[in-house]
Amino acid sequence: MPNAATPALAAPTPKVVDVQGLVVGRAASLIAQRLLRGEHIVVVNAEKSVVTGGRQMVLAEFTARRARGSVRSGPHYPRYPDRIFRRTVRGMLPHLKTRGKEALDRLEVFIGTPPEYRSQAAETLAGAKARPALRTPLTLAEISTLLGARL
């Protein structure tokens, strides 16, 4: 007979990761590894993460992804920065298997910083910082507006 006085297990507090100025792919791979280890991660400022490479090449790649397939049957590629970041992390997880689905459920991605996470100290990922370059990299916000998102 279970004891009525046993406390309910509280969910662990999520780790808040600020991806402002970080390269999208590098940050996504580091976050995917941590998700597979069982961490709950909240990503803030997704629109300020950057994509490196030539401007024309990056825009051509994202518009080609968006135009691929059909409206009815997919593949459906997002246009908002938080959803693009989540889709990038999903691509680095075994999302068709149970452990990948559970890992993806432990990820939350936000545009900006929501009020409930402003008081928590946000960490950054040192291995994903964008190196200084002659050309400024595109942010996900810029890419999203060019894809038709209304931010």
N, C-alpha and C. Protein backbone atom coordinates (compact mmCIF):
# COMPACT_ATOMS: atom_id res chain seq x y z
N MET A 1 0.85 -1.18 0.00
CA MET A 1 0.00 0.00 0.00
C MET A 1 0.89 1.24 0.00
N PRO A 2 0.72 2.14 -0.98
CA PRO A 2 1.58 3.32 -1.03
C PRO A 2 1.29 4.27 0.11
N ASN A 3 2.34 4.88 0.57
CA ASN A 3 2.23 5.82 1.67
C ASN A 3 1.74 7.16 1.12
N ALA A 4 0.70 7.72 1.74
CA ALA A 4 0.12 8.99 1.28
C ALA A 4 1.04 10.16 1.59
N ALA A 5 2.01 9.97 2.48
CA ALA A 5 2.88 11.07 2.87
C ALA A 5 4.11 11.21 1.96
N THR A 6 4.27 10.30 0.99
CA THR A 6 5.44 10.41 0.12
C THR A 6 5.28 11.61 -0.81
N PRO A 7 6.31 12.44 -0.87
CA PRO A 7 6.19 13.62 -1.73
C PRO A 7 6.27 13.24 -3.20
N ALA A 8 5.58 14.00 -4.03
CA ALA A 8 5.63 13.76 -5.47
C ALA A 8 6.99 14.21 -6.00
N LEU A 9 7.48 13.50 -6.98
CA LEU A 9 8.77 13.86 -7.56
C LEU A 9 8.62 15.15 -8.35
N ALA A 10 9.42 16.13 -8.01
CA ALA A 10 9.37 17.41 -8.71
C ALA A 10 10.21 17.32 -9.98
N ALA A 11 9.75 17.98 -11.01
CA ALA A 11 10.52 17.99 -12.26
C ALA A 11 11.78 18.81 -12.05
N PRO A 12 12.90 18.36 -12.60
CA PRO A 12 14.14 19.13 -12.44
C PRO A 12 14.02 20.48 -13.13
N THR A 13 14.68 21.47 -12.56
CA THR A 13 14.62 22.79 -13.17
C THR A 13 15.38 22.77 -14.49
N PRO A 14 14.82 23.38 -15.51
CA PRO A 14 15.47 23.34 -16.81
C PRO A 14 16.70 24.25 -16.86
N LYS A 15 17.64 23.87 -17.70
CA LYS A 15 18.83 24.70 -17.93
C LYS A 15 18.48 25.71 -19.02
N VAL A 16 18.74 26.98 -18.77
CA VAL A 16 18.45 28.03 -19.75
C VAL A 16 19.73 28.32 -20.53
N VAL A 17 19.64 28.21 -21.85
CA VAL A 17 20.78 28.43 -22.73
C VAL A 17 20.45 29.62 -23.64
N ASP A 18 21.31 30.64 -23.61
CA ASP A 18 21.15 31.80 -24.48
C ASP A 18 22.00 31.58 -25.72
N VAL A 19 21.35 31.55 -26.89
CA VAL A 19 22.08 31.27 -28.13
C VAL A 19 22.35 32.53 -28.95
N GLN A 20 22.30 33.67 -28.32
CA GLN A 20 22.57 34.93 -29.02
C GLN A 20 24.02 34.94 -29.50
N GLY A 21 24.22 35.13 -30.80
CA GLY A 21 25.55 35.19 -31.38
C GLY A 21 26.21 33.84 -31.60
N LEU A 22 25.51 32.75 -31.34
CA LEU A 22 26.08 31.42 -31.54
C LEU A 22 25.69 30.89 -32.92
N VAL A 23 26.55 30.05 -33.49
CA VAL A 23 26.26 29.43 -34.79
C VAL A 23 25.18 28.37 -34.58
N VAL A 24 24.15 28.41 -35.42
CA VAL A 24 22.98 27.56 -35.24
C VAL A 24 23.34 26.08 -35.20
N GLY A 25 24.10 25.60 -36.17
CA GLY A 25 24.42 24.18 -36.24
C GLY A 25 25.27 23.69 -35.09
N ARG A 26 26.25 24.48 -34.71
CA ARG A 26 27.12 24.07 -33.61
C ARG A 26 26.35 24.05 -32.29
N ALA A 27 25.54 25.07 -32.06
CA ALA A 27 24.74 25.10 -30.83
C ALA A 27 23.73 23.95 -30.81
N ALA A 28 23.12 23.67 -31.95
CA ALA A 28 22.13 22.60 -32.02
C ALA A 28 22.75 21.25 -31.73
N SER A 29 23.96 21.01 -32.21
CA SER A 29 24.59 19.71 -31.97
C SER A 29 24.95 19.54 -30.50
N LEU A 30 25.43 20.61 -29.86
CA LEU A 30 25.75 20.53 -28.42
C LEU A 30 24.49 20.33 -27.59
N ILE A 31 23.42 21.01 -27.96
CA ILE A 31 22.16 20.88 -27.24
C ILE A 31 21.57 19.48 -27.45
N ALA A 32 21.68 18.94 -28.66
CA ALA A 32 21.16 17.60 -28.93
C ALA A 32 21.87 16.55 -28.08
N GLN A 33 23.18 16.68 -27.91
CA GLN A 33 23.93 15.75 -27.06
C GLN A 33 23.43 15.82 -25.62
N ARG A 34 23.20 17.03 -25.13
CA ARG A 34 22.74 17.19 -23.75
C ARG A 34 21.32 16.67 -23.57
N LEU A 35 20.48 16.83 -24.58
CA LEU A 35 19.11 16.31 -24.51
C LEU A 35 19.11 14.79 -24.43
N LEU A 36 19.99 14.16 -25.19
CA LEU A 36 20.06 12.69 -25.17
C LEU A 36 20.56 12.17 -23.82
N ARG A 37 21.29 13.02 -23.10
CA ARG A 37 21.74 12.62 -21.76
C ARG A 37 20.66 12.83 -20.70
N GLY A 38 19.51 13.39 -21.09
CA GLY A 38 18.40 13.51 -20.17
C GLY A 38 18.17 14.90 -19.59
N GLU A 39 18.88 15.90 -20.05
CA GLU A 39 18.69 17.26 -19.53
C GLU A 39 17.45 17.89 -20.16
N HIS A 40 16.82 18.78 -19.39
CA HIS A 40 15.71 19.60 -19.89
C HIS A 40 16.31 20.96 -20.21
N ILE A 41 16.21 21.41 -21.46
CA ILE A 41 16.88 22.63 -21.89
C ILE A 41 15.87 23.62 -22.47
N VAL A 42 16.02 24.87 -22.04
CA VAL A 42 15.23 25.98 -22.57
C VAL A 42 16.17 26.88 -23.34
N VAL A 43 15.90 27.09 -24.62
CA VAL A 43 16.72 27.94 -25.47
C VAL A 43 16.02 29.29 -25.61
N VAL A 44 16.75 30.37 -25.31
CA VAL A 44 16.20 31.72 -25.44
C VAL A 44 17.00 32.49 -26.48
N ASN A 45 16.37 33.54 -27.02
CA ASN A 45 16.96 34.40 -28.05
C ASN A 45 17.34 33.61 -29.30
N ALA A 46 16.47 32.73 -29.74
CA ALA A 46 16.75 31.92 -30.94
C ALA A 46 16.89 32.79 -32.18
N GLU A 47 16.19 33.90 -32.23
CA GLU A 47 16.24 34.76 -33.41
C GLU A 47 17.58 35.47 -33.57
N LYS A 48 18.40 35.48 -32.53
CA LYS A 48 19.70 36.17 -32.58
C LYS A 48 20.86 35.21 -32.85
N SER A 49 20.56 33.93 -33.07
CA SER A 49 21.63 33.00 -33.45
C SER A 49 21.95 33.21 -34.92
N VAL A 50 23.15 32.83 -35.33
CA VAL A 50 23.63 33.19 -36.66
C VAL A 50 23.90 31.96 -37.52
N VAL A 51 23.85 32.19 -38.83
CA VAL A 51 24.19 31.18 -39.82
C VAL A 51 25.37 31.74 -40.61
N THR A 52 26.48 31.02 -40.61
CA THR A 52 27.67 31.52 -41.30
C THR A 52 27.64 31.11 -42.76
N GLY A 53 28.42 31.80 -43.56
CA GLY A 53 28.49 31.52 -44.98
C GLY A 53 28.12 32.76 -45.77
N GLY A 54 28.25 32.65 -47.08
CA GLY A 54 27.89 33.75 -47.96
C GLY A 54 26.40 34.02 -47.92
N ARG A 55 26.04 35.28 -47.96
CA ARG A 55 24.64 35.69 -47.84
C ARG A 55 23.76 35.03 -48.90
N GLN A 56 24.19 35.07 -50.16
CA GLN A 56 23.39 34.50 -51.25
C GLN A 56 23.25 32.99 -51.11
N MET A 57 24.34 32.31 -50.69
CA MET A 57 24.29 30.86 -50.54
C MET A 57 23.34 30.45 -49.42
N VAL A 58 23.41 31.16 -48.29
CA VAL A 58 22.56 30.83 -47.14
C VAL A 58 21.09 31.06 -47.49
N LEU A 59 20.79 32.19 -48.12
CA LEU A 59 19.40 32.47 -48.49
C LEU A 59 18.88 31.49 -49.53
N ALA A 60 19.73 31.11 -50.48
CA ALA A 60 19.31 30.13 -51.48
C ALA A 60 19.01 28.79 -50.84
N GLU A 61 19.81 28.38 -49.88
CA GLU A 61 19.60 27.10 -49.20
C GLU A 61 18.28 27.10 -48.41
N PHE A 62 18.02 28.18 -47.67
CA PHE A 62 16.80 28.22 -46.87
C PHE A 62 15.56 28.35 -47.74
N THR A 63 15.61 29.11 -48.82
CA THR A 63 14.43 29.19 -49.70
C THR A 63 14.20 27.87 -50.43
N ALA A 64 15.28 27.15 -50.77
CA ALA A 64 15.12 25.84 -51.40
C ALA A 64 14.49 24.85 -50.44
N ARG A 65 14.89 24.88 -49.19
CA ARG A 65 14.29 23.99 -48.18
C ARG A 65 12.81 24.30 -48.03
N ARG A 66 12.48 25.57 -48.03
CA ARG A 66 11.10 25.99 -47.83
C ARG A 66 10.23 25.59 -49.02
N ALA A 67 10.80 25.63 -50.22
CA ALA A 67 10.03 25.35 -51.44
C ALA A 67 9.97 23.86 -51.77
N ARG A 68 10.78 23.04 -51.11
CA ARG A 68 10.84 21.61 -51.42
C ARG A 68 9.53 20.92 -51.08
N GLY A 69 9.13 19.97 -51.89
CA GLY A 69 7.94 19.17 -51.59
C GLY A 69 6.66 19.90 -51.96
N SER A 70 5.56 19.44 -51.39
CA SER A 70 4.26 20.06 -51.67
C SER A 70 3.63 20.54 -50.38
N VAL A 71 2.68 21.44 -50.52
CA VAL A 71 2.00 22.00 -49.36
C VAL A 71 1.24 20.92 -48.61
N ARG A 72 0.66 19.99 -49.35
CA ARG A 72 -0.17 18.97 -48.73
C ARG A 72 0.65 17.87 -48.05
N SER A 73 1.68 17.34 -48.74
CA SER A 73 2.36 16.17 -48.20
C SER A 73 3.73 16.43 -47.61
N GLY A 74 4.26 17.65 -47.75
CA GLY A 74 5.51 17.98 -47.11
C GLY A 74 6.72 17.64 -47.96
N PRO A 75 7.92 17.75 -47.46
CA PRO A 75 8.26 18.08 -46.08
C PRO A 75 7.95 19.54 -45.77
N HIS A 76 7.51 19.77 -44.55
CA HIS A 76 7.12 21.11 -44.12
C HIS A 76 8.29 21.73 -43.37
N TYR A 77 8.84 22.80 -43.91
CA TYR A 77 9.98 23.47 -43.29
C TYR A 77 9.51 24.79 -42.70
N PRO A 78 9.86 25.07 -41.45
CA PRO A 78 9.34 26.27 -40.77
C PRO A 78 9.94 27.56 -41.29
N ARG A 79 9.27 28.67 -40.97
CA ARG A 79 9.80 29.97 -41.35
C ARG A 79 10.11 30.86 -40.15
N TYR A 80 9.65 30.51 -38.96
CA TYR A 80 9.94 31.31 -37.76
C TYR A 80 11.23 30.82 -37.10
N PRO A 81 12.01 31.73 -36.50
CA PRO A 81 13.34 31.37 -36.00
C PRO A 81 13.34 30.32 -34.89
N ASP A 82 12.35 30.36 -33.99
CA ASP A 82 12.33 29.35 -32.93
C ASP A 82 12.05 27.97 -33.50
N ARG A 83 11.20 27.91 -34.51
CA ARG A 83 10.87 26.61 -35.13
C ARG A 83 12.00 26.11 -36.01
N ILE A 84 12.73 27.04 -36.67
CA ILE A 84 13.89 26.63 -37.47
C ILE A 84 14.94 26.03 -36.54
N PHE A 85 15.18 26.66 -35.39
CA PHE A 85 16.17 26.15 -34.45
C PHE A 85 15.75 24.79 -33.92
N ARG A 86 14.48 24.64 -33.57
CA ARG A 86 13.98 23.35 -33.07
C ARG A 86 14.11 22.27 -34.14
N ARG A 87 13.84 22.61 -35.39
CA ARG A 87 13.95 21.64 -36.49
C ARG A 87 15.41 21.25 -36.70
N THR A 88 16.33 22.20 -36.50
CA THR A 88 17.75 21.90 -36.63
C THR A 88 18.20 20.92 -35.55
N VAL A 89 17.73 21.13 -34.32
CA VAL A 89 18.06 20.20 -33.23
C VAL A 89 17.43 18.84 -33.52
N ARG A 90 16.20 18.84 -34.01
CA ARG A 90 15.52 17.58 -34.33
C ARG A 90 16.29 16.76 -35.35
N GLY A 91 16.92 17.44 -36.30
CA GLY A 91 17.71 16.74 -37.32
C GLY A 91 18.93 16.06 -36.75
N MET A 92 19.35 16.45 -35.55
CA MET A 92 20.53 15.86 -34.93
C MET A 92 20.16 14.83 -33.87
N LEU A 93 18.88 14.54 -33.75
CA LEU A 93 18.38 13.53 -32.82
C LEU A 93 17.78 12.36 -33.60
N PRO A 94 17.76 11.18 -33.00
CA PRO A 94 17.05 10.07 -33.63
C PRO A 94 15.54 10.23 -33.38
N HIS A 95 14.93 11.23 -34.02
CA HIS A 95 13.58 11.66 -33.66
C HIS A 95 12.49 10.67 -34.03
N LEU A 96 12.81 9.62 -34.76
CA LEU A 96 11.81 8.61 -35.06
C LEU A 96 11.80 7.49 -34.02
N LYS A 97 12.78 7.49 -33.14
CA LYS A 97 12.85 6.49 -32.08
C LYS A 97 12.35 7.09 -30.78
N THR A 98 12.02 6.25 -29.84
CA THR A 98 11.44 6.71 -28.58
C THR A 98 12.37 7.63 -27.82
N ARG A 99 13.65 7.28 -27.73
CA ARG A 99 14.56 8.13 -26.95
C ARG A 99 14.76 9.49 -27.61
N GLY A 100 14.69 9.55 -28.93
CA GLY A 100 14.79 10.83 -29.62
C GLY A 100 13.55 11.68 -29.43
N LYS A 101 12.38 11.05 -29.45
CA LYS A 101 11.13 11.78 -29.22
C LYS A 101 11.09 12.34 -27.80
N GLU A 102 11.52 11.52 -26.84
CA GLU A 102 11.55 11.99 -25.45
C GLU A 102 12.56 13.11 -25.27
N ALA A 103 13.69 13.02 -25.96
CA ALA A 103 14.69 14.08 -25.88
C ALA A 103 14.14 15.37 -26.47
N LEU A 104 13.45 15.29 -27.60
CA LEU A 104 12.89 16.48 -28.23
C LEU A 104 11.79 17.10 -27.37
N ASP A 105 11.09 16.27 -26.61
CA ASP A 105 10.06 16.79 -25.69
C ASP A 105 10.68 17.59 -24.54
N ARG A 106 11.96 17.36 -24.26
CA ARG A 106 12.64 18.10 -23.19
C ARG A 106 13.23 19.41 -23.67
N LEU A 107 12.98 19.79 -24.92
CA LEU A 107 13.51 21.02 -25.49
C LEU A 107 12.41 22.05 -25.64
N GLU A 108 12.69 23.28 -25.19
CA GLU A 108 11.80 24.41 -25.41
C GLU A 108 12.63 25.51 -26.04
N VAL A 109 12.11 26.12 -27.11
CA VAL A 109 12.82 27.17 -27.82
C VAL A 109 11.92 28.40 -27.88
N PHE A 110 12.49 29.58 -27.57
CA PHE A 110 11.72 30.81 -27.52
C PHE A 110 12.38 31.91 -28.33
N ILE A 111 11.55 32.78 -28.88
CA ILE A 111 12.02 34.04 -29.47
C ILE A 111 12.09 35.02 -28.31
N GLY A 112 13.25 35.61 -28.08
CA GLY A 112 13.42 36.49 -26.92
C GLY A 112 13.54 35.66 -25.65
N THR A 113 13.34 36.32 -24.52
CA THR A 113 13.39 35.64 -23.23
C THR A 113 12.04 35.78 -22.53
N PRO A 114 11.33 34.69 -22.28
CA PRO A 114 10.05 34.78 -21.59
C PRO A 114 10.23 35.25 -20.15
N PRO A 115 9.22 35.88 -19.57
CA PRO A 115 9.33 36.42 -18.21
C PRO A 115 9.68 35.37 -17.15
N GLU A 116 9.22 34.14 -17.30
CA GLU A 116 9.48 33.13 -16.27
C GLU A 116 10.93 32.69 -16.24
N TYR A 117 11.71 32.98 -17.30
CA TYR A 117 13.12 32.58 -17.33
C TYR A 117 14.08 33.76 -17.22
N ARG A 118 13.56 34.97 -17.07
CA ARG A 118 14.44 36.15 -16.96
C ARG A 118 15.25 36.15 -15.68
N SER A 119 14.70 35.59 -14.62
CA SER A 119 15.41 35.60 -13.33
C SER A 119 16.52 34.55 -13.27
N GLN A 120 16.44 33.50 -14.11
CA GLN A 120 17.47 32.46 -14.11
C GLN A 120 18.69 32.92 -14.89
N ALA A 121 19.84 32.51 -14.43
CA ALA A 121 21.07 32.83 -15.14
C ALA A 121 21.17 31.95 -16.38
N ALA A 122 21.30 32.59 -17.53
CA ALA A 122 21.39 31.83 -18.79
C ALA A 122 22.85 31.53 -19.09
N GLU A 123 23.10 30.28 -19.45
CA GLU A 123 24.47 29.89 -19.82
C GLU A 123 24.63 30.01 -21.32
N THR A 124 25.86 30.05 -21.77
CA THR A 124 26.15 30.07 -23.19
C THR A 124 27.06 28.89 -23.52
N LEU A 125 27.13 28.54 -24.77
CA LEU A 125 27.92 27.39 -25.19
C LEU A 125 29.21 27.90 -25.85
N ALA A 126 30.33 27.70 -25.18
CA ALA A 126 31.60 28.25 -25.66
C ALA A 126 32.02 27.63 -26.99
N GLY A 127 31.68 26.38 -27.22
CA GLY A 127 32.09 25.71 -28.44
C GLY A 127 31.30 26.12 -29.67
N ALA A 128 30.29 26.97 -29.50
CA ALA A 128 29.44 27.34 -30.63
C ALA A 128 29.54 28.81 -30.99
N LYS A 129 30.49 29.52 -30.40
CA LYS A 129 30.61 30.95 -30.70
C LYS A 129 31.04 31.16 -32.15
N ALA A 130 30.47 32.20 -32.76
CA ALA A 130 30.84 32.54 -34.13
C ALA A 130 32.19 33.24 -34.11
N ARG A 131 33.06 32.80 -35.00
CA ARG A 131 34.37 33.44 -35.10
C ARG A 131 34.24 34.77 -35.83
N PRO A 132 35.10 35.74 -35.51
CA PRO A 132 35.02 37.01 -36.23
C PRO A 132 35.31 36.81 -37.72
N ALA A 133 34.52 37.46 -38.55
CA ALA A 133 34.68 37.32 -39.99
C ALA A 133 34.56 38.69 -40.65
N LEU A 134 35.00 38.79 -41.87
CA LEU A 134 34.90 40.05 -42.59
C LEU A 134 33.46 40.39 -42.92
N ARG A 135 32.67 39.38 -43.28
CA ARG A 135 31.26 39.62 -43.56
C ARG A 135 30.44 39.24 -42.34
N THR A 136 29.44 40.01 -42.07
CA THR A 136 28.60 39.72 -40.91
C THR A 136 27.68 38.55 -41.24
N PRO A 137 27.58 37.59 -40.34
CA PRO A 137 26.71 36.44 -40.61
C PRO A 137 25.24 36.82 -40.50
N LEU A 138 24.41 36.05 -41.16
CA LEU A 138 22.96 36.28 -41.12
C LEU A 138 22.39 35.73 -39.82
N THR A 139 21.47 36.46 -39.21
CA THR A 139 20.77 35.95 -38.04
C THR A 139 19.53 35.19 -38.50
N LEU A 140 19.00 34.37 -37.62
CA LEU A 140 17.77 33.65 -37.96
C LEU A 140 16.60 34.61 -38.13
N ALA A 141 16.63 35.76 -37.46
CA ALA A 141 15.57 36.75 -37.63
C ALA A 141 15.56 37.30 -39.05
N GLU A 142 16.74 37.59 -39.59
CA GLU A 142 16.83 38.09 -40.97
C GLU A 142 16.35 37.03 -41.96
N ILE A 143 16.78 35.79 -41.75
CA ILE A 143 16.38 34.70 -42.64
C ILE A 143 14.87 34.50 -42.57
N SER A 144 14.32 34.56 -41.37
CA SER A 144 12.88 34.35 -41.19
C SER A 144 12.06 35.43 -41.89
N THR A 145 12.48 36.68 -41.79
CA THR A 145 11.73 37.75 -42.46
C THR A 145 11.81 37.59 -43.97
N LEU A 146 12.94 37.11 -44.48
CA LEU A 146 13.05 36.89 -45.92
C LEU A 146 12.22 35.67 -46.37
N LEU A 147 11.96 34.74 -45.46
CA LEU A 147 11.11 33.59 -45.77
C LEU A 147 9.63 33.93 -45.65
N GLY A 148 9.32 35.10 -45.11
CA GLY A 148 7.92 35.53 -45.02
C GLY A 148 7.35 35.57 -43.62
N ALA A 149 8.17 35.37 -42.60
CA ALA A 149 7.68 35.42 -41.22
C ALA A 149 7.47 36.86 -40.81
N ARG A 150 6.46 37.10 -40.01
CA ARG A 150 6.18 38.45 -39.49
C ARG A 150 6.60 38.48 -38.03
N LEU A 151 7.79 38.99 -37.76
CA LEU A 151 8.31 39.03 -36.39
C LEU A 151 7.94 40.32 -35.70
